[in-house]
Amino acid sequence: MFKNYLSELIKRKDLLVYLVKSGLKAEHRNSYLGYFWWLLDPLLNVVVYYFLVAIILGRGGENYAVFLVIGLVVWRWMITTVNTSAKAITKYSSIINQVYLPKSIFPLAVSSTQVFNFSFGLIVIAIFLVIFGVVPGWQIVFLPLIILIQLVFLIAISLFVSYICVFVRDIDNILTHILRLFFYASPIIWEGRELPPEFSWVVQVNPVALILNAYRDVIMYQRVPEFTGIVIIGIVSIISIVGLLYYYNRNEHKIIKAL
């Protein structure tokens, strides 16, 4: 029963914590700089795109560096979660074939691991706010809510991608192109107002764009975010998570056969 499946997930919370810790250690296990890369990676991304867009192309408005760092840090959380979710279950195939575990615990661990990476990105954003003298207003109190909505959104995507990739191993190659499409269709390195009016709908229906705009509203523009869009994202994500967990419960035997 579905209730028993949820109970089993809760019982395995110690395993979830272990998977998160091991995932954090494994990411930079063989690098000299170790965890410092969590700060350096988003910083280098900002430098590269700022040089390309602001200096070479002469684009970008006031406080573009802050605009850019928010977009790239938020996008980095999304793309790393989706990419690591592609192999979240298959990489543990040897364990899954020996011991019974709720298979959904692996994409849940991936999503939780990337939250810690994102927290280092917030430090980079704070550094840029200080350097460029941008002071958030009282609207910053909505930041935890936006982070929570993005987390729920990414958990839903992680559960979906992890399951699909068990049966269609090539899907992670297709994901690269899908993510690239969302990168250029979202105001990550360009501002939404730069779009011609006939293409403004791209930002209005794009969940990535809606989440990005919410972050920028509360961090750098001192205004209340547009709640309608992000609340819809949150509600749809929660419904999707429940539906996907139910689907996992009914089809876990298929996952074992496919592995």
Protein backbone atom coordinates (compact mmCIF):
# COMPACT_ATOMS: atom_id res chain seq x y z
CA MET A 1 0.00 0.00 0.00
CA PHE A 2 1.05 3.58 -0.63
CA LYS A 3 0.90 4.44 3.09
CA ASN A 4 3.32 1.60 3.84
CA TYR A 5 5.65 2.87 1.15
CA LEU A 6 5.73 6.33 2.71
CA SER A 7 6.35 4.76 6.12
CA GLU A 8 9.26 2.82 4.67
CA LEU A 9 10.72 6.03 3.28
CA ILE A 10 10.51 7.67 6.69
CA LYS A 11 12.16 4.66 8.33
CA ARG A 12 15.07 5.00 5.90
CA LYS A 13 15.82 8.62 6.86
CA ASP A 14 19.22 7.55 8.23
CA LEU A 15 20.10 6.14 4.84
CA LEU A 16 18.97 9.37 3.22
CA VAL A 17 21.30 11.35 5.47
CA TYR A 18 24.15 8.94 4.66
CA LEU A 19 23.55 9.26 0.91
CA VAL A 20 23.57 13.06 1.17
CA LYS A 21 26.84 13.07 3.14
CA SER A 22 28.53 10.61 0.79
CA GLY A 23 27.31 12.59 -2.21
CA LEU A 24 28.82 15.78 -0.82
CA LYS A 25 32.14 14.07 -0.15
CA ALA A 26 32.24 12.41 -3.57
CA GLU A 27 31.72 15.58 -5.61
CA HIS A 28 35.21 16.98 -5.04
CA ARG A 29 36.98 13.99 -3.53
CA ASN A 30 39.87 14.07 -6.02
CA SER A 31 40.24 17.84 -6.38
CA TYR A 32 42.92 19.94 -4.69
CA LEU A 33 40.56 22.75 -3.74
CA GLY A 34 37.82 20.45 -2.41
CA TYR A 35 34.75 22.23 -1.11
CA PHE A 36 36.21 25.61 -2.15
CA TRP A 37 35.00 24.74 -5.66
CA TRP A 38 31.43 25.31 -4.45
CA LEU A 39 32.36 28.97 -4.11
CA LEU A 40 34.80 29.19 -7.01
CA ASP A 41 32.63 27.51 -9.67
CA PRO A 42 29.72 30.01 -9.63
CA LEU A 43 32.22 32.86 -9.30
CA LEU A 44 34.11 31.78 -12.43
CA ASN A 45 30.83 31.41 -14.33
CA VAL A 46 29.91 34.99 -13.48
CA VAL A 47 33.32 36.27 -14.60
CA VAL A 48 33.08 34.46 -17.95
CA TYR A 49 29.55 35.62 -18.80
CA TYR A 50 30.12 39.15 -17.52
CA PHE A 51 33.20 39.45 -19.76
CA LEU A 52 31.24 38.09 -22.74
CA VAL A 53 27.99 40.05 -22.32
CA ALA A 54 29.00 43.29 -20.58
CA ILE A 55 32.51 43.86 -21.92
CA ILE A 56 32.60 42.18 -25.34
CA LEU A 57 28.97 42.75 -26.39
CA GLY A 58 28.45 45.93 -24.38
CA ARG A 59 25.09 44.72 -23.02
CA GLY A 60 23.69 44.60 -19.52
CA GLY A 61 22.23 47.41 -17.45
CA GLU A 62 22.80 48.78 -13.98
CA ASN A 63 24.07 46.22 -11.44
CA TYR A 64 24.29 43.64 -14.22
CA ALA A 65 26.90 41.68 -12.26
CA VAL A 66 24.40 41.16 -9.42
CA PHE A 67 21.67 40.29 -11.94
CA LEU A 68 24.02 37.76 -13.53
CA VAL A 69 25.24 36.11 -10.35
CA ILE A 70 21.68 35.50 -9.11
CA GLY A 71 20.70 33.94 -12.44
CA LEU A 72 23.77 31.71 -12.70
CA VAL A 73 23.67 30.51 -9.09
CA VAL A 74 19.98 29.61 -9.29
CA TRP A 75 20.48 27.96 -12.69
CA ARG A 76 23.47 25.99 -11.38
CA TRP A 77 21.27 24.47 -8.67
CA MET A 78 18.74 23.44 -11.31
CA ILE A 79 21.14 21.98 -13.86
CA THR A 80 23.26 20.03 -11.35
CA THR A 81 20.13 18.51 -9.80
CA VAL A 82 18.73 17.41 -13.16
CA ASN A 83 22.06 16.05 -14.43
CA THR A 84 22.85 14.06 -11.28
CA SER A 85 19.27 12.76 -11.14
CA ALA A 86 19.77 11.02 -14.48
CA LYS A 87 21.97 8.39 -12.79
CA ALA A 88 20.56 8.65 -9.27
CA ILE A 89 19.12 5.12 -9.36
CA THR A 90 21.31 3.33 -11.91
CA LYS A 91 24.57 4.15 -10.07
CA TYR A 92 23.27 2.17 -7.06
CA SER A 93 22.12 -0.85 -9.06
CA SER A 94 24.39 -3.26 -7.16
CA ILE A 95 22.87 -2.24 -3.82
CA ILE A 96 19.30 -2.21 -5.14
CA ASN A 97 19.65 -5.79 -6.44
CA GLN A 98 20.78 -7.06 -3.04
CA VAL A 99 18.69 -5.15 -0.50
CA TYR A 100 15.13 -3.87 -0.62
CA LEU A 101 15.06 -0.07 -0.52
CA PRO A 102 12.45 2.42 -1.70
CA LYS A 103 13.98 3.45 -5.02
CA SER A 104 12.70 7.01 -4.69
CA ILE A 105 15.14 7.58 -1.84
CA PHE A 106 17.99 7.99 -4.34
CA PRO A 107 16.58 10.95 -6.32
CA LEU A 108 15.46 12.45 -2.99
CA ALA A 109 19.08 12.22 -1.79
CA VAL A 110 20.33 13.89 -4.97
CA SER A 111 17.91 16.79 -4.53
CA SER A 112 18.90 17.23 -0.89
CA THR A 113 22.62 17.14 -1.71
CA GLN A 114 22.33 19.98 -4.20
CA VAL A 115 20.64 22.22 -1.61
CA PHE A 116 23.97 22.35 0.23
CA ASN A 117 25.76 23.34 -2.98
CA PHE A 118 23.22 26.12 -3.50
CA SER A 119 23.88 27.47 0.00
CA PHE A 120 27.45 28.20 -1.06
CA GLY A 121 26.08 30.00 -4.10
CA LEU A 122 24.09 32.25 -1.76
CA ILE A 123 27.40 33.26 -0.16
CA VAL A 124 28.67 34.32 -3.59
CA ILE A 125 25.49 36.35 -4.15
CA ALA A 126 25.95 38.05 -0.76
CA ILE A 127 29.54 38.97 -1.70
CA PHE A 128 28.33 40.63 -4.92
CA LEU A 129 25.61 42.51 -3.05
CA VAL A 130 28.24 43.97 -0.72
CA ILE A 131 30.69 44.81 -3.53
CA PHE A 132 28.09 46.62 -5.65
CA GLY A 133 26.24 48.21 -2.74
CA VAL A 134 22.90 46.55 -3.43
CA VAL A 135 20.84 46.34 -0.24
CA PRO A 136 17.77 44.06 -0.22
CA GLY A 137 14.57 45.46 1.28
CA TRP A 138 12.14 43.86 3.70
CA GLN A 139 10.98 41.67 0.81
CA ILE A 140 13.99 39.44 1.51
CA VAL A 141 11.76 37.65 4.05
CA PHE A 142 10.19 35.84 1.07
CA LEU A 143 13.54 34.29 0.09
CA PRO A 144 13.09 31.06 2.16
CA LEU A 145 9.68 30.55 0.54
CA ILE A 146 11.15 30.91 -2.96
CA ILE A 147 13.96 28.49 -2.09
CA LEU A 148 11.40 26.00 -0.77
CA ILE A 149 9.31 26.26 -3.94
CA GLN A 150 12.37 25.68 -6.10
CA LEU A 151 13.37 22.69 -3.95
CA VAL A 152 9.92 21.11 -4.33
CA PHE A 153 10.05 21.83 -8.08
CA LEU A 154 13.44 20.12 -8.39
CA ILE A 155 12.41 17.12 -6.29
CA ALA A 156 9.52 16.50 -8.71
CA ILE A 157 11.86 16.75 -11.70
CA SER A 158 14.46 14.54 -10.01
CA LEU A 159 11.93 11.78 -9.28
CA PHE A 160 10.70 11.88 -12.88
CA VAL A 161 14.12 11.96 -14.54
CA SER A 162 15.55 9.22 -12.31
CA TYR A 163 12.70 6.85 -13.13
CA ILE A 164 12.75 7.49 -16.88
CA CYS A 165 16.54 7.05 -17.10
CA VAL A 166 16.29 3.52 -15.65
CA PHE A 167 14.41 2.40 -18.76
CA VAL A 168 15.78 4.82 -21.37
CA ARG A 169 19.47 5.23 -20.63
CA ASP A 170 20.02 7.66 -23.52
CA ILE A 171 17.63 10.20 -22.04
CA ASP A 172 20.49 11.90 -20.16
CA ASN A 173 22.01 12.83 -23.54
CA ILE A 174 18.73 14.40 -24.60
CA LEU A 175 18.59 16.26 -21.28
CA THR A 176 21.70 18.19 -22.28
CA HIS A 177 19.87 19.75 -25.21
CA ILE A 178 16.66 20.34 -23.25
CA LEU A 179 18.59 22.14 -20.51
CA ARG A 180 20.44 24.23 -23.10
CA LEU A 181 17.08 25.27 -24.55
CA PHE A 182 15.84 26.37 -21.11
CA PHE A 183 19.11 28.22 -20.48
CA TYR A 184 18.69 30.43 -23.53
CA ALA A 185 14.90 30.71 -23.12
CA SER A 186 15.24 32.04 -19.56
CA PRO A 187 16.53 35.45 -18.40
CA ILE A 188 19.71 34.05 -16.90
CA ILE A 189 22.27 36.12 -18.79
CA TRP A 190 19.81 38.43 -20.56
CA GLU A 191 17.03 40.59 -19.13
CA GLY A 192 13.38 39.76 -19.85
CA ARG A 193 12.60 43.22 -21.20
CA GLU A 194 15.03 42.60 -24.07
CA LEU A 195 12.53 40.23 -25.71
CA PRO A 196 10.28 41.54 -28.49
CA PRO A 197 6.63 41.85 -27.32
CA GLU A 198 5.51 38.89 -29.43
CA PHE A 199 7.89 36.61 -27.51
CA SER A 200 7.14 37.86 -24.00
CA TRP A 201 5.08 34.72 -23.38
CA VAL A 202 8.36 32.76 -23.24
CA VAL A 203 9.10 34.31 -19.85
CA GLN A 204 5.49 34.28 -18.65
CA VAL A 205 5.02 30.50 -19.02
CA ASN A 206 8.60 29.41 -18.31
CA PRO A 207 8.91 28.04 -14.73
CA VAL A 208 12.65 28.70 -14.71
CA ALA A 209 12.07 32.34 -15.63
CA LEU A 210 9.34 32.74 -13.00
CA ILE A 211 11.61 31.40 -10.26
CA LEU A 212 14.55 33.54 -11.41
CA ASN A 213 12.43 36.69 -11.45
CA ALA A 214 11.17 35.94 -7.93
CA TYR A 215 14.75 35.70 -6.64
CA ARG A 216 15.75 38.97 -8.27
CA ASP A 217 12.64 40.75 -7.04
CA VAL A 218 13.39 40.05 -3.37
CA ILE A 219 17.20 40.23 -3.52
CA MET A 220 18.00 43.20 -5.77
CA TYR A 221 14.82 45.01 -6.85
CA GLN A 222 13.26 45.45 -3.39
CA ARG A 223 9.81 44.39 -4.49
CA VAL A 224 7.31 41.65 -3.70
CA PRO A 225 7.57 38.79 -6.20
CA GLU A 226 4.76 37.76 -8.50
CA PHE A 227 3.30 35.02 -6.32
CA THR A 228 0.74 33.64 -8.76
CA GLY A 229 3.29 31.94 -10.98
CA ILE A 230 5.57 30.51 -8.30
CA VAL A 231 2.66 29.33 -6.13
CA ILE A 232 1.25 27.44 -9.13
CA ILE A 233 4.70 25.90 -9.64
CA GLY A 234 4.77 24.85 -5.99
CA ILE A 235 1.27 23.31 -6.02
CA VAL A 236 1.83 21.44 -9.30
CA SER A 237 5.20 20.19 -7.98
CA ILE A 238 3.69 18.87 -4.74
CA ILE A 239 0.93 17.06 -6.65
CA SER A 240 3.56 15.65 -9.01
CA ILE A 241 5.71 14.41 -6.11
CA VAL A 242 2.77 12.57 -4.54
CA GLY A 243 1.82 11.08 -7.90
CA LEU A 244 5.39 10.03 -8.67
CA LEU A 245 5.89 8.43 -5.26
CA TYR A 246 2.66 6.48 -5.81
CA TYR A 247 3.95 5.44 -9.23
CA TYR A 248 7.28 4.35 -7.73
CA ASN A 249 5.38 2.26 -5.20
CA ARG A 250 3.41 0.48 -7.92
CA ASN A 251 6.35 -0.06 -10.29
CA GLU A 252 9.43 -0.71 -8.18
CA HIS A 253 9.55 -4.31 -9.41
CA LYS A 254 9.98 -2.97 -12.94
CA ILE A 255 12.97 -0.91 -11.82
CA ILE A 256 14.65 -4.01 -10.39
CA LYS A 257 14.09 -5.94 -13.64
CA ALA A 258 15.42 -3.05 -15.74
CA LEU A 259 18.59 -2.81 -13.65
